[in-house]
């Protein structure tokens, strides 16, 4: 199988099911942003961090591939066939959401409570977490927009929302592990 097909040279791409849409279609923007997020999470995973975080991030990357595949399905052709065999893609389920929530709770146990907003930064690895978090929020906005015209499984929307929370707490947890300073945002009161 060649990596190039030339079928996208006209500015369109194919969804699972064969429907062709413009490459700027909101569905393509949605799963393309999920793919971008997955790449940044891979960069976090490649840093010198604890093995548990690496394992959790790998699970998240696998879930993001599933999520992207689900978004790439033409909703009018959900019963996909590949030759004689039906192509099946697992769903994002409640257990995937609970996994993120359990990881958030586990990490928060070791952190001091927040009293102010935290400025992104302090260490390159922490910054990668914040970049991932903001890309995750962009993905969430795009998928929510797609949901307005084409119903999306509510677990997909919830997963993306919970993942941005996870990435924020991961940034805080890694700040602690890496002994990086959390810089608090304290508004300047002199102009008020």
C-alpha atoms as a PDB file:
ATOM      1  CA  UNK A   1       0.000   0.000   0.000  1.00  0.00           C
ATOM      2  CA  UNK A   2       1.464   3.357  -1.000  1.00  0.00           C
ATOM      3  CA  UNK A   3       1.322   6.280   1.411  1.00  0.00           C
ATOM      4  CA  UNK A   4       0.129   8.606  -1.325  1.00  0.00           C
ATOM      5  CA  UNK A   5      -3.142   7.999  -3.130  1.00  0.00           C
ATOM      6  CA  UNK A   6      -3.511  11.274  -5.050  1.00  0.00           C
ATOM      7  CA  UNK A   7      -7.233  11.197  -4.238  1.00  0.00           C
ATOM      8  CA  UNK A   8      -6.873  14.276  -2.031  1.00  0.00           C
ATOM      9  CA  UNK A   9      -5.192  16.398  -4.688  1.00  0.00           C
ATOM     10  CA  UNK A  10      -8.521  18.091  -5.421  1.00  0.00           C
ATOM     11  CA  UNK A  11      -8.874  19.364  -1.820  1.00  0.00           C
ATOM     12  CA  UNK A  12     -11.229  16.620  -0.654  1.00  0.00           C
ATOM     13  CA  UNK A  13     -10.784  13.620   1.585  1.00  0.00           C
ATOM     14  CA  UNK A  14     -12.747  10.441   2.179  1.00  0.00           C
ATOM     15  CA  UNK A  15     -14.654   9.523   5.300  1.00  0.00           C
ATOM     16  CA  UNK A  16     -15.047   5.912   6.407  1.00  0.00           C
ATOM     17  CA  UNK A  17     -17.906   4.841   4.191  1.00  0.00           C
ATOM     18  CA  UNK A  18     -16.547   6.514   1.061  1.00  0.00           C
ATOM     19  CA  UNK A  19     -18.194   9.932   1.188  1.00  0.00           C
ATOM     20  CA  UNK A  20     -15.842  12.692   0.003  1.00  0.00           C
ATOM     21  CA  UNK A  21     -15.853  16.041   1.794  1.00  0.00           C
ATOM     22  CA  UNK A  22     -13.698  19.181   1.604  1.00  0.00           C
ATOM     23  CA  UNK A  23     -10.564  19.001   3.753  1.00  0.00           C
ATOM     24  CA  UNK A  24     -11.811  22.045   5.677  1.00  0.00           C
ATOM     25  CA  UNK A  25     -15.092  20.294   6.633  1.00  0.00           C
ATOM     26  CA  UNK A  26     -15.843  20.584  10.363  1.00  0.00           C
ATOM     27  CA  UNK A  27     -15.672  16.783  10.689  1.00  0.00           C
ATOM     28  CA  UNK A  28     -12.134  16.789   9.241  1.00  0.00           C
ATOM     29  CA  UNK A  29     -11.144  19.743  11.450  1.00  0.00           C
ATOM     30  CA  UNK A  30     -12.468  17.807  14.451  1.00  0.00           C
ATOM     31  CA  UNK A  31     -10.587  14.564  13.966  1.00  0.00           C
ATOM     32  CA  UNK A  32      -7.559  16.399  12.582  1.00  0.00           C
ATOM     33  CA  UNK A  33      -7.320  18.349  15.825  1.00  0.00           C
ATOM     34  CA  UNK A  34      -7.664  15.094  17.783  1.00  0.00           C
ATOM     35  CA  UNK A  35      -4.725  13.762  15.737  1.00  0.00           C
ATOM     36  CA  UNK A  36      -2.719  16.916  16.535  1.00  0.00           C
ATOM     37  CA  UNK A  37      -3.521  16.447  20.225  1.00  0.00           C
ATOM     38  CA  UNK A  38      -2.433  12.813  20.051  1.00  0.00           C
ATOM     39  CA  UNK A  39       0.942  13.876  18.625  1.00  0.00           C
ATOM     40  CA  UNK A  40       1.528  16.347  21.460  1.00  0.00           C
ATOM     41  CA  UNK A  41       0.576  13.717  24.025  1.00  0.00           C
ATOM     42  CA  UNK A  42       3.178  11.465  22.393  1.00  0.00           C
ATOM     43  CA  UNK A  43       5.728  14.221  22.982  1.00  0.00           C
ATOM     44  CA  UNK A  44       4.787  14.371  26.675  1.00  0.00           C
ATOM     45  CA  UNK A  45       5.079  10.580  26.897  1.00  0.00           C
ATOM     46  CA  UNK A  46       8.579  10.767  25.361  1.00  0.00           C
ATOM     47  CA  UNK A  47       9.851  13.007  28.175  1.00  0.00           C
ATOM     48  CA  UNK A  48      11.663  11.854  31.296  1.00  0.00           C
ATOM     49  CA  UNK A  49       8.526  11.253  33.376  1.00  0.00           C
ATOM     50  CA  UNK A  50       7.355   8.464  35.668  1.00  0.00           C
ATOM     51  CA  UNK A  51       6.359   5.114  34.164  1.00  0.00           C
ATOM     52  CA  UNK A  52       2.756   5.307  35.406  1.00  0.00           C
ATOM     53  CA  UNK A  53       2.198   8.607  33.574  1.00  0.00           C
ATOM     54  CA  UNK A  54       3.691   7.066  30.426  1.00  0.00           C
ATOM     55  CA  UNK A  55       1.342   4.084  30.714  1.00  0.00           C
ATOM     56  CA  UNK A  56      -1.701   6.324  31.245  1.00  0.00           C
ATOM     57  CA  UNK A  57      -0.711   8.525  28.296  1.00  0.00           C
ATOM     58  CA  UNK A  58      -0.392   5.470  26.043  1.00  0.00           C
ATOM     59  CA  UNK A  59      -3.940   4.419  26.982  1.00  0.00           C
ATOM     60  CA  UNK A  60      -5.145   7.944  26.213  1.00  0.00           C
ATOM     61  CA  UNK A  61      -3.395   7.881  22.832  1.00  0.00           C
ATOM     62  CA  UNK A  62      -5.151   4.614  21.974  1.00  0.00           C
ATOM     63  CA  UNK A  63      -8.495   6.123  22.998  1.00  0.00           C
ATOM     64  CA  UNK A  64      -7.804   9.191  20.872  1.00  0.00           C
ATOM     65  CA  UNK A  65      -7.195   6.963  17.835  1.00  0.00           C
ATOM     66  CA  UNK A  66     -10.548   5.307  18.498  1.00  0.00           C
ATOM     67  CA  UNK A  67     -12.204   8.678  18.967  1.00  0.00           C
ATOM     68  CA  UNK A  68     -10.701  10.027  15.737  1.00  0.00           C
ATOM     69  CA  UNK A  69     -11.874   6.943  13.843  1.00  0.00           C
ATOM     70  CA  UNK A  70     -15.391   7.383  15.226  1.00  0.00           C
ATOM     71  CA  UNK A  71     -15.411  11.003  14.075  1.00  0.00           C
ATOM     72  CA  UNK A  72     -14.205   9.921  10.604  1.00  0.00           C
ATOM     73  CA  UNK A  73     -17.263   7.728   9.999  1.00  0.00           C
ATOM     74  CA  UNK A  74     -19.852   9.121   7.641  1.00  0.00           C
ATOM     75  CA  UNK A  75     -22.952   9.125   9.878  1.00  0.00           C
ATOM     76  CA  UNK A  76     -25.110   8.191   6.881  1.00  0.00           C
ATOM     77  CA  UNK A  77     -23.027   5.027   6.423  1.00  0.00           C
ATOM     78  CA  UNK A  78     -22.415   3.775   9.960  1.00  0.00           C
ATOM     79  CA  UNK A  79     -22.710   0.127   8.890  1.00  0.00           C
ATOM     80  CA  UNK A  80     -19.288  -0.103   7.296  1.00  0.00           C
ATOM     81  CA  UNK A  81     -18.069  -3.124   5.380  1.00  0.00           C
ATOM     82  CA  UNK A  82     -14.525  -4.012   4.430  1.00  0.00           C
ATOM     83  CA  UNK A  83     -14.758  -6.790   1.883  1.00  0.00           C
ATOM     84  CA  UNK A  84     -16.863  -9.534   3.446  1.00  0.00           C
ATOM     85  CA  UNK A  85     -16.033  -8.422   6.959  1.00  0.00           C
ATOM     86  CA  UNK A  86     -17.725  -5.598   8.738  1.00  0.00           C
ATOM     87  CA  UNK A  87     -15.340  -2.953  10.069  1.00  0.00           C
ATOM     88  CA  UNK A  88     -15.972  -2.475  13.762  1.00  0.00           C
ATOM     89  CA  UNK A  89     -14.584   0.340  15.835  1.00  0.00           C
ATOM     90  CA  UNK A  90     -15.003   0.193  19.579  1.00  0.00           C
ATOM     91  CA  UNK A  91     -16.768   3.052  21.294  1.00  0.00           C
ATOM     92  CA  UNK A  92     -15.621   5.477  23.933  1.00  0.00           C
ATOM     93  CA  UNK A  93     -17.499   4.293  26.998  1.00  0.00           C
ATOM     94  CA  UNK A  94     -18.236   5.254  30.569  1.00  0.00           C
ATOM     95  CA  UNK A  95     -15.240   3.181  31.714  1.00  0.00           C
ATOM     96  CA  UNK A  96     -12.951   5.421  29.620  1.00  0.00           C
ATOM     97  CA  UNK A  97     -14.367   8.500  31.333  1.00  0.00           C
ATOM     98  CA  UNK A  98     -14.031   6.863  34.740  1.00  0.00           C
ATOM     99  CA  UNK A  99     -10.406   6.000  33.949  1.00  0.00           C
ATOM    100  CA  UNK A 100      -9.615   9.696  33.384  1.00  0.00           C
ATOM    101  CA  UNK A 101     -11.513  10.711  36.522  1.00  0.00           C
ATOM    102  CA  UNK A 102      -9.664   8.129  38.635  1.00  0.00           C
ATOM    103  CA  UNK A 103      -6.324   9.365  37.311  1.00  0.00           C
ATOM    104  CA  UNK A 104      -7.273  12.977  38.017  1.00  0.00           C
ATOM    105  CA  UNK A 105      -8.303  12.052  41.576  1.00  0.00           C
ATOM    106  CA  UNK A 106      -5.115  10.030  42.111  1.00  0.00           C
ATOM    107  CA  UNK A 107      -2.878  12.913  41.012  1.00  0.00           C
ATOM    108  CA  UNK A 108      -4.810  15.572  42.921  1.00  0.00           C
ATOM    109  CA  UNK A 109      -4.307  13.734  46.223  1.00  0.00           C
ATOM    110  CA  UNK A 110      -0.649  14.734  46.197  1.00  0.00           C
ATOM    111  CA  UNK A 111      -1.130  18.368  45.142  1.00  0.00           C
ATOM    112  CA  UNK A 112      -1.700  21.463  47.201  1.00  0.00           C
ATOM    113  CA  UNK A 113      -5.145  22.968  46.580  1.00  0.00           C
ATOM    114  CA  UNK A 114      -5.280  25.733  43.986  1.00  0.00           C
ATOM    115  CA  UNK A 115      -5.843  29.265  45.237  1.00  0.00           C
ATOM    116  CA  UNK A 116      -5.099  31.123  41.980  1.00  0.00           C
ATOM    117  CA  UNK A 117      -4.872  30.458  38.283  1.00  0.00           C
ATOM    118  CA  UNK A 118      -1.517  29.044  37.228  1.00  0.00           C
ATOM    119  CA  UNK A 119       0.474  30.472  34.350  1.00  0.00           C
ATOM    120  CA  UNK A 120       1.535  27.804  31.842  1.00  0.00           C
ATOM    121  CA  UNK A 121       5.243  27.004  32.030  1.00  0.00           C
ATOM    122  CA  UNK A 122       7.924  26.286  34.579  1.00  0.00           C
ATOM    123  CA  UNK A 123       9.465  23.352  32.710  1.00  0.00           C
ATOM    124  CA  UNK A 124       9.341  22.233  29.041  1.00  0.00           C
ATOM    125  CA  UNK A 125       7.449  19.029  29.923  1.00  0.00           C
ATOM    126  CA  UNK A 126       4.871  21.012  31.871  1.00  0.00           C
ATOM    127  CA  UNK A 127       4.538  23.413  28.937  1.00  0.00           C
ATOM    128  CA  UNK A 128       3.857  20.459  26.615  1.00  0.00           C
ATOM    129  CA  UNK A 129       0.989  19.491  28.930  1.00  0.00           C
ATOM    130  CA  UNK A 130      -0.473  22.993  28.714  1.00  0.00           C
ATOM    131  CA  UNK A 131      -0.129  23.070  24.921  1.00  0.00           C
ATOM    132  CA  UNK A 132      -1.913  19.710  24.804  1.00  0.00           C
ATOM    133  CA  UNK A 133      -4.628  21.031  27.120  1.00  0.00           C
ATOM    134  CA  UNK A 134      -5.316  24.027  24.873  1.00  0.00           C
ATOM    135  CA  UNK A 135      -5.388  21.827  21.753  1.00  0.00           C
ATOM    136  CA  UNK A 136      -7.795  19.545  23.598  1.00  0.00           C
ATOM    137  CA  UNK A 137     -10.053  22.531  24.318  1.00  0.00           C
ATOM    138  CA  UNK A 138      -9.934  23.501  20.624  1.00  0.00           C
ATOM    139  CA  UNK A 139     -10.875  19.928  19.694  1.00  0.00           C
ATOM    140  CA  UNK A 140     -13.749  20.123  22.157  1.00  0.00           C
ATOM    141  CA  UNK A 141     -15.038  23.340  20.562  1.00  0.00           C
ATOM    142  CA  UNK A 142     -14.828  21.809  17.076  1.00  0.00           C
ATOM    143  CA  UNK A 143     -16.548  18.558  18.069  1.00  0.00           C
ATOM    144  CA  UNK A 144     -19.260  20.554  19.861  1.00  0.00           C
ATOM    145  CA  UNK A 145     -19.763  22.560  16.661  1.00  0.00           C
ATOM    146  CA  UNK A 146     -19.947  19.335  14.623  1.00  0.00           C
ATOM    147  CA  UNK A 147     -22.497  18.020  17.129  1.00  0.00           C
ATOM    148  CA  UNK A 148     -24.805  20.913  16.197  1.00  0.00           C
ATOM    149  CA  UNK A 149     -25.233  19.521  12.675  1.00  0.00           C
ATOM    150  CA  UNK A 150     -24.468  15.818  13.138  1.00  0.00           C
ATOM    151  CA  UNK A 151     -25.180  14.073  16.423  1.00  0.00           C
ATOM    152  CA  UNK A 152     -22.022  12.910  18.184  1.00  0.00           C
ATOM    153  CA  UNK A 153     -21.951  10.218  20.859  1.00  0.00           C
ATOM    154  CA  UNK A 154     -22.178  12.136  24.169  1.00  0.00           C
ATOM    155  CA  UNK A 155     -19.298  10.056  25.569  1.00  0.00           C
ATOM    156  CA  UNK A 156     -16.995  11.533  22.911  1.00  0.00           C
ATOM    157  CA  UNK A 157     -17.797  15.074  24.019  1.00  0.00           C
ATOM    158  CA  UNK A 158     -17.475  14.120  27.685  1.00  0.00           C
ATOM    159  CA  UNK A 159     -14.152  12.332  27.088  1.00  0.00           C
ATOM    160  CA  UNK A 160     -12.596  15.348  25.399  1.00  0.00           C
ATOM    161  CA  UNK A 161     -13.834  17.612  28.192  1.00  0.00           C
ATOM    162  CA  UNK A 162     -12.468  15.312  30.894  1.00  0.00           C
ATOM    163  CA  UNK A 163      -9.190  14.903  29.033  1.00  0.00           C
ATOM    164  CA  UNK A 164      -8.502  18.640  29.159  1.00  0.00           C
ATOM    165  CA  UNK A 165      -9.016  18.501  32.933  1.00  0.00           C
ATOM    166  CA  UNK A 166      -6.664  15.519  33.102  1.00  0.00           C
ATOM    167  CA  UNK A 167      -3.978  17.393  31.146  1.00  0.00           C
ATOM    168  CA  UNK A 168      -4.221  20.373  33.506  1.00  0.00           C
ATOM    169  CA  UNK A 169      -3.807  18.149  36.564  1.00  0.00           C
ATOM    170  CA  UNK A 170      -1.012  16.229  34.820  1.00  0.00           C
ATOM    171  CA  UNK A 171       0.802  19.545  34.289  1.00  0.00           C
ATOM    172  CA  UNK A 172       0.489  20.291  37.999  1.00  0.00           C
ATOM    173  CA  UNK A 173       1.559  16.769  38.975  1.00  0.00           C
ATOM    174  CA  UNK A 174       4.596  16.874  36.691  1.00  0.00           C
ATOM    175  CA  UNK A 175       5.491  20.327  38.025  1.00  0.00           C
ATOM    176  CA  UNK A 176       5.675  18.744  41.453  1.00  0.00           C
ATOM    177  CA  UNK A 177       7.656  15.715  40.256  1.00  0.00           C
ATOM    178  CA  UNK A 178      10.095  17.854  38.272  1.00  0.00           C
ATOM    179  CA  UNK A 179      10.379  20.397  41.098  1.00  0.00           C
ATOM    180  CA  UNK A 180       9.250  23.138  38.737  1.00  0.00           C
ATOM    181  CA  UNK A 181       7.781  26.298  40.190  1.00  0.00           C
ATOM    182  CA  UNK A 182       4.078  26.868  39.638  1.00  0.00           C
ATOM    183  CA  UNK A 183       3.744  30.534  38.828  1.00  0.00           C
ATOM    184  CA  UNK A 184       0.475  31.898  40.126  1.00  0.00           C
ATOM    185  CA  UNK A 185      -1.468  34.508  38.208  1.00  0.00           C
ATOM    186  CA  UNK A 186      -2.292  37.257  40.666  1.00  0.00           C
ATOM    187  CA  UNK A 187      -4.013  40.179  38.944  1.00  0.00           C
ATOM    188  CA  UNK A 188      -2.336  43.535  39.395  1.00  0.00           C
ATOM    189  CA  UNK A 189      -4.662  45.510  41.664  1.00  0.00           C
ATOM    190  CA  UNK A 190      -3.026  48.892  41.094  1.00  0.00           C
ATOM    191  CA  UNK A 191      -5.062  49.485  37.924  1.00  0.00           C
ATOM    192  CA  UNK A 192      -8.367  48.733  39.608  1.00  0.00           C
END
